[in-house]
Amino acid sequence: MPAHLRVYSSEPHPMAHVWVESVGERRVPEIASDLLTFSELLWIGLRGDLAPLAPAVAFARRASKLPLAGYILIDGDFPRVGELDWPDAPVAYLATVPDYETHAKAALARGWKVISDLTDL
């Protein structure tokens, strides 16, 4: 069964499927609510300042008992590993700008897949 991809960003970006409110912690409930509409196998993409929220988003997806293929962090900092039992699925990292190349190297060191574009999944 093929997995779908849903990319969340707090600012306009060509890869983003959904822009979420960029103020405070309202972002996690907004993403969680949107994820409830996808009952199929899903890759969750979190871009920029949303990437560190992956554990909270993962918790919401697990609570919904909906299938998850993994996470894609795009041009963002890492969540703390082990936070809320995250990662609970494969993680991939995509650096689209040179500022995040060091993050891509650190992702490799963590055993995460580093991709050059979203077709690499």
N, C-alpha and C. Protein backbone atom coordinates (compact mmCIF):
# COMPACT_ATOMS: atom_id res chain seq x y z
N MET A 1 0.85 -1.18 0.00
CA MET A 1 0.00 0.00 0.00
C MET A 1 0.90 1.25 0.00
N PRO A 2 0.72 2.15 -0.98
CA PRO A 2 1.55 3.36 -1.02
C PRO A 2 1.19 4.31 0.12
N ALA A 3 2.19 5.03 0.58
CA ALA A 3 1.97 6.00 1.64
C ALA A 3 1.78 7.39 1.04
N HIS A 4 0.98 8.18 1.70
CA HIS A 4 0.75 9.56 1.30
C HIS A 4 1.68 10.46 2.11
N LEU A 5 1.87 11.67 1.63
CA LEU A 5 2.72 12.63 2.31
C LEU A 5 1.91 13.88 2.62
N ARG A 6 2.04 14.37 3.83
CA ARG A 6 1.40 15.62 4.24
C ARG A 6 2.48 16.46 4.88
N VAL A 7 2.82 17.62 4.29
CA VAL A 7 3.88 18.49 4.81
C VAL A 7 3.24 19.73 5.43
N TYR A 8 3.63 20.00 6.67
CA TYR A 8 3.12 21.15 7.42
C TYR A 8 4.22 22.19 7.58
N SER A 9 3.85 23.45 7.39
CA SER A 9 4.80 24.55 7.52
C SER A 9 4.08 25.73 8.15
N SER A 10 4.83 26.55 8.86
CA SER A 10 4.23 27.73 9.48
C SER A 10 4.41 28.98 8.62
N GLU A 11 4.94 28.78 7.42
CA GLU A 11 5.09 29.89 6.47
C GLU A 11 4.94 29.34 5.06
N PRO A 12 4.58 30.17 4.10
CA PRO A 12 4.43 29.69 2.73
C PRO A 12 5.71 29.04 2.22
N HIS A 13 5.56 27.88 1.61
CA HIS A 13 6.69 27.14 1.07
C HIS A 13 6.17 26.22 -0.02
N PRO A 14 6.89 26.05 -1.13
CA PRO A 14 6.37 25.22 -2.22
C PRO A 14 6.13 23.76 -1.85
N MET A 15 6.81 23.24 -0.82
CA MET A 15 6.60 21.85 -0.41
C MET A 15 5.43 21.67 0.54
N ALA A 16 4.95 22.75 1.09
CA ALA A 16 3.93 22.64 2.15
C ALA A 16 2.56 22.34 1.57
N HIS A 17 1.91 21.33 2.13
CA HIS A 17 0.52 21.04 1.80
C HIS A 17 -0.41 21.86 2.68
N VAL A 18 0.02 22.14 3.90
CA VAL A 18 -0.82 22.87 4.86
C VAL A 18 0.04 23.89 5.60
N TRP A 19 -0.43 25.12 5.65
CA TRP A 19 0.20 26.14 6.49
C TRP A 19 -0.56 26.17 7.78
N VAL A 20 0.13 26.11 8.88
CA VAL A 20 -0.54 26.14 10.17
C VAL A 20 -0.24 27.45 10.88
N GLU A 21 -1.07 27.78 11.81
CA GLU A 21 -0.91 29.01 12.59
C GLU A 21 0.47 29.03 13.22
N SER A 22 1.18 30.13 13.06
CA SER A 22 2.56 30.18 13.53
C SER A 22 2.71 30.77 14.93
N VAL A 23 1.61 30.93 15.63
CA VAL A 23 1.66 31.54 16.96
C VAL A 23 1.49 30.48 18.04
N GLY A 24 2.48 30.37 18.92
CA GLY A 24 2.37 29.54 20.12
C GLY A 24 2.11 28.07 19.84
N GLU A 25 1.60 27.39 20.85
CA GLU A 25 1.37 25.95 20.78
C GLU A 25 0.07 25.58 20.09
N ARG A 26 -0.65 26.53 19.54
CA ARG A 26 -1.87 26.20 18.81
C ARG A 26 -1.55 25.35 17.59
N ARG A 27 -0.30 25.29 17.20
CA ARG A 27 0.07 24.55 16.00
C ARG A 27 -0.18 23.05 16.13
N VAL A 28 0.16 22.47 17.26
CA VAL A 28 0.02 21.02 17.41
C VAL A 28 -1.44 20.59 17.31
N PRO A 29 -2.39 21.22 18.01
CA PRO A 29 -3.79 20.81 17.82
C PRO A 29 -4.28 21.00 16.39
N GLU A 30 -3.82 22.05 15.73
CA GLU A 30 -4.23 22.29 14.35
C GLU A 30 -3.73 21.16 13.43
N ILE A 31 -2.48 20.76 13.61
CA ILE A 31 -1.94 19.66 12.81
C ILE A 31 -2.64 18.36 13.16
N ALA A 32 -2.82 18.09 14.46
CA ALA A 32 -3.47 16.85 14.89
C ALA A 32 -4.87 16.75 14.33
N SER A 33 -5.60 17.84 14.33
CA SER A 33 -6.95 17.85 13.78
C SER A 33 -6.94 17.53 12.29
N ASP A 34 -6.00 18.11 11.56
CA ASP A 34 -5.90 17.84 10.14
C ASP A 34 -5.53 16.38 9.88
N LEU A 35 -4.64 15.83 10.70
CA LEU A 35 -4.21 14.44 10.50
C LEU A 35 -5.34 13.44 10.68
N LEU A 36 -6.33 13.80 11.46
CA LEU A 36 -7.47 12.89 11.67
C LEU A 36 -8.27 12.66 10.39
N THR A 37 -8.10 13.53 9.40
CA THR A 37 -8.82 13.36 8.14
C THR A 37 -8.13 12.36 7.21
N PHE A 38 -6.93 11.92 7.55
CA PHE A 38 -6.18 10.99 6.71
C PHE A 38 -6.09 9.63 7.39
N SER A 39 -6.91 8.70 6.92
CA SER A 39 -6.91 7.38 7.54
C SER A 39 -5.95 6.42 6.84
N GLU A 40 -5.36 6.84 5.71
CA GLU A 40 -4.44 5.99 4.98
C GLU A 40 -3.02 6.13 5.53
N LEU A 41 -2.15 5.21 5.13
CA LEU A 41 -0.75 5.25 5.53
C LEU A 41 -0.14 6.59 5.15
N LEU A 42 0.57 7.22 6.09
CA LEU A 42 0.97 8.60 5.91
C LEU A 42 2.39 8.86 6.37
N TRP A 43 3.14 9.64 5.57
CA TRP A 43 4.38 10.27 5.98
C TRP A 43 4.00 11.66 6.47
N ILE A 44 4.46 12.04 7.65
CA ILE A 44 4.20 13.37 8.19
C ILE A 44 5.44 14.22 8.00
N GLY A 45 5.32 15.29 7.23
CA GLY A 45 6.42 16.21 7.00
C GLY A 45 6.24 17.46 7.85
N LEU A 46 7.30 17.85 8.54
CA LEU A 46 7.28 19.05 9.38
C LEU A 46 8.45 19.92 8.97
N ARG A 47 8.13 21.15 8.54
CA ARG A 47 9.14 22.03 7.99
C ARG A 47 9.48 23.17 8.95
N GLY A 48 10.76 23.53 8.97
CA GLY A 48 11.20 24.70 9.72
C GLY A 48 10.96 24.60 11.21
N ASP A 49 10.30 25.62 11.77
CA ASP A 49 10.10 25.65 13.22
C ASP A 49 9.10 24.61 13.70
N LEU A 50 8.44 23.89 12.80
CA LEU A 50 7.53 22.82 13.21
C LEU A 50 8.26 21.50 13.43
N ALA A 51 9.45 21.34 12.87
CA ALA A 51 10.18 20.07 12.98
C ALA A 51 10.38 19.62 14.43
N PRO A 52 10.74 20.49 15.37
CA PRO A 52 10.90 20.03 16.75
C PRO A 52 9.60 19.57 17.42
N LEU A 53 8.46 19.83 16.78
CA LEU A 53 7.18 19.41 17.35
C LEU A 53 6.82 17.98 16.99
N ALA A 54 7.69 17.28 16.28
CA ALA A 54 7.40 15.92 15.83
C ALA A 54 6.92 14.99 16.94
N PRO A 55 7.51 14.99 18.14
CA PRO A 55 7.02 14.08 19.18
C PRO A 55 5.56 14.34 19.56
N ALA A 56 5.16 15.58 19.66
CA ALA A 56 3.77 15.89 20.02
C ALA A 56 2.81 15.49 18.90
N VAL A 57 3.22 15.74 17.66
CA VAL A 57 2.40 15.34 16.51
C VAL A 57 2.32 13.81 16.46
N ALA A 58 3.43 13.13 16.72
CA ALA A 58 3.45 11.67 16.73
C ALA A 58 2.50 11.11 17.78
N PHE A 59 2.50 11.73 18.95
CA PHE A 59 1.61 11.29 20.02
C PHE A 59 0.15 11.38 19.56
N ALA A 60 -0.20 12.47 18.90
CA ALA A 60 -1.56 12.65 18.41
C ALA A 60 -1.91 11.58 17.37
N ARG A 61 -0.98 11.29 16.47
CA ARG A 61 -1.24 10.28 15.43
C ARG A 61 -1.40 8.90 16.07
N ARG A 62 -0.55 8.56 17.04
CA ARG A 62 -0.67 7.26 17.71
C ARG A 62 -1.99 7.16 18.45
N ALA A 63 -2.40 8.24 19.10
CA ALA A 63 -3.66 8.24 19.84
C ALA A 63 -4.86 8.00 18.92
N SER A 64 -4.73 8.43 17.67
CA SER A 64 -5.81 8.24 16.71
C SER A 64 -5.86 6.81 16.17
N LYS A 65 -4.79 6.04 16.43
CA LYS A 65 -4.66 4.66 15.95
C LYS A 65 -4.70 4.57 14.41
N LEU A 66 -4.23 5.65 13.77
CA LEU A 66 -4.15 5.66 12.31
C LEU A 66 -2.74 5.30 11.86
N PRO A 67 -2.59 4.68 10.68
CA PRO A 67 -1.27 4.19 10.25
C PRO A 67 -0.29 5.32 9.92
N LEU A 68 0.97 5.05 10.22
CA LEU A 68 2.04 6.03 10.02
C LEU A 68 3.22 5.36 9.34
N ALA A 69 3.70 5.95 8.25
CA ALA A 69 4.88 5.42 7.56
C ALA A 69 6.15 5.99 8.17
N GLY A 70 6.13 7.27 8.57
CA GLY A 70 7.31 7.89 9.15
C GLY A 70 7.21 9.39 9.14
N TYR A 71 8.36 10.03 9.40
CA TYR A 71 8.43 11.49 9.52
C TYR A 71 9.50 12.02 8.57
N ILE A 72 9.24 13.19 8.02
CA ILE A 72 10.24 13.90 7.23
C ILE A 72 10.42 15.26 7.88
N LEU A 73 11.63 15.54 8.31
CA LEU A 73 11.95 16.85 8.87
C LEU A 73 12.63 17.64 7.77
N ILE A 74 12.10 18.83 7.48
CA ILE A 74 12.59 19.62 6.36
C ILE A 74 13.13 20.96 6.88
N ASP A 75 14.41 21.19 6.67
CA ASP A 75 15.03 22.48 7.03
C ASP A 75 14.65 22.93 8.44
N GLY A 76 14.82 22.05 9.40
CA GLY A 76 14.48 22.43 10.76
C GLY A 76 15.39 21.76 11.77
N ASP A 77 15.29 22.22 13.00
CA ASP A 77 16.05 21.61 14.10
C ASP A 77 15.40 20.28 14.48
N PHE A 78 16.15 19.49 15.22
CA PHE A 78 15.66 18.18 15.63
C PHE A 78 14.87 18.27 16.93
N PRO A 79 13.87 17.40 17.07
CA PRO A 79 13.26 17.24 18.39
C PRO A 79 14.26 16.52 19.29
N ARG A 80 14.02 16.56 20.56
CA ARG A 80 14.85 15.77 21.46
C ARG A 80 14.48 14.30 21.29
N VAL A 81 15.47 13.47 20.97
CA VAL A 81 15.22 12.05 20.79
C VAL A 81 14.80 11.45 22.12
N GLY A 82 13.80 10.58 22.07
CA GLY A 82 13.29 9.96 23.28
C GLY A 82 12.13 10.73 23.90
N GLU A 83 11.88 11.94 23.42
CA GLU A 83 10.78 12.73 23.94
C GLU A 83 9.46 12.11 23.49
N LEU A 84 8.58 11.80 24.44
CA LEU A 84 7.28 11.18 24.15
C LEU A 84 7.43 9.92 23.30
N ASP A 85 8.45 9.12 23.60
CA ASP A 85 8.71 7.88 22.86
C ASP A 85 8.90 8.11 21.36
N TRP A 86 9.52 9.20 21.01
CA TRP A 86 9.78 9.52 19.61
C TRP A 86 11.25 9.30 19.32
N PRO A 87 11.67 8.80 18.21
CA PRO A 87 10.83 8.45 17.06
C PRO A 87 10.23 7.06 17.18
N ASP A 88 9.00 6.94 16.77
CA ASP A 88 8.27 5.69 16.81
C ASP A 88 8.09 5.11 15.41
N ALA A 89 8.73 5.74 14.44
CA ALA A 89 8.67 5.32 13.04
C ALA A 89 9.92 5.85 12.36
N PRO A 90 10.20 5.42 11.14
CA PRO A 90 11.39 5.93 10.43
C PRO A 90 11.37 7.45 10.30
N VAL A 91 12.58 8.03 10.29
CA VAL A 91 12.72 9.48 10.15
C VAL A 91 13.65 9.74 8.96
N ALA A 92 13.26 10.71 8.14
CA ALA A 92 14.10 11.17 7.04
C ALA A 92 14.31 12.67 7.21
N TYR A 93 15.45 13.15 6.73
CA TYR A 93 15.76 14.58 6.82
C TYR A 93 16.03 15.11 5.43
N LEU A 94 15.47 16.28 5.14
CA LEU A 94 15.67 16.94 3.85
C LEU A 94 16.14 18.36 4.09
N ALA A 95 17.34 18.67 3.60
CA ALA A 95 17.87 20.03 3.67
C ALA A 95 17.74 20.65 2.29
N THR A 96 16.88 21.66 2.16
CA THR A 96 16.69 22.30 0.85
C THR A 96 17.52 23.56 0.70
N VAL A 97 18.10 24.02 1.80
CA VAL A 97 18.96 25.21 1.76
C VAL A 97 20.29 24.88 2.45
N PRO A 98 21.38 25.49 2.03
CA PRO A 98 22.70 25.18 2.59
C PRO A 98 22.80 25.36 4.11
N ASP A 99 21.99 26.22 4.69
CA ASP A 99 22.05 26.45 6.14
C ASP A 99 21.82 25.17 6.94
N TYR A 100 21.17 24.18 6.35
CA TYR A 100 20.82 22.96 7.08
C TYR A 100 21.64 21.74 6.67
N GLU A 101 22.70 21.94 5.92
CA GLU A 101 23.55 20.82 5.53
C GLU A 101 24.17 20.13 6.75
N THR A 102 24.55 20.90 7.77
CA THR A 102 25.11 20.27 8.97
C THR A 102 24.05 19.43 9.68
N HIS A 103 22.79 19.85 9.60
CA HIS A 103 21.70 19.05 10.18
C HIS A 103 21.58 17.72 9.43
N ALA A 104 21.75 17.76 8.11
CA ALA A 104 21.67 16.53 7.33
C ALA A 104 22.77 15.56 7.76
N LYS A 105 23.97 16.07 8.00
CA LYS A 105 25.07 15.20 8.46
C LYS A 105 24.76 14.63 9.84
N ALA A 106 24.19 15.45 10.71
CA ALA A 106 23.83 14.97 12.05
C ALA A 106 22.70 13.94 11.96
N ALA A 107 21.80 14.10 11.01
CA ALA A 107 20.73 13.12 10.82
C ALA A 107 21.30 11.77 10.42
N LEU A 108 22.30 11.78 9.54
CA LEU A 108 22.97 10.52 9.15
C LEU A 108 23.60 9.86 10.37
N ALA A 109 24.21 10.67 11.23
CA ALA A 109 24.85 10.13 12.43
C ALA A 109 23.82 9.49 13.36
N ARG A 110 22.59 9.95 13.31
CA ARG A 110 21.51 9.37 14.13
C ARG A 110 20.91 8.14 13.49
N GLY A 111 21.34 7.82 12.28
CA GLY A 111 20.80 6.66 11.58
C GLY A 111 19.55 6.97 10.78
N TRP A 112 19.25 8.25 10.62
CA TRP A 112 18.09 8.64 9.83
C TRP A 112 18.47 8.70 8.36
N LYS A 113 17.50 8.49 7.52
CA LYS A 113 17.72 8.61 6.08
C LYS A 113 17.80 10.09 5.72
N VAL A 114 18.76 10.45 4.89
CA VAL A 114 18.86 11.82 4.37
C VAL A 114 18.45 11.75 2.90
N ILE A 115 17.50 12.58 2.53
CA ILE A 115 16.97 12.54 1.17
C ILE A 115 17.28 13.85 0.46
N SER A 116 17.39 13.81 -0.86
CA SER A 116 17.67 15.02 -1.62
C SER A 116 16.41 15.69 -2.12
N ASP A 117 15.34 14.92 -2.23
CA ASP A 117 14.03 15.49 -2.54
C ASP A 117 12.97 14.47 -2.13
N LEU A 118 11.74 14.87 -2.18
CA LEU A 118 10.65 14.03 -1.65
C LEU A 118 10.40 12.78 -2.48
N THR A 119 10.96 12.68 -3.68
CA THR A 119 10.79 11.47 -4.47
C THR A 119 11.72 10.36 -3.98
N ASP A 120 12.65 10.68 -3.08
CA ASP A 120 13.59 9.67 -2.55
C ASP A 120 12.97 8.74 -1.51
N LEU A 121 11.74 8.98 -1.13
CA LEU A 121 11.13 8.15 -0.08
C LEU A 121 10.91 6.76 -0.54
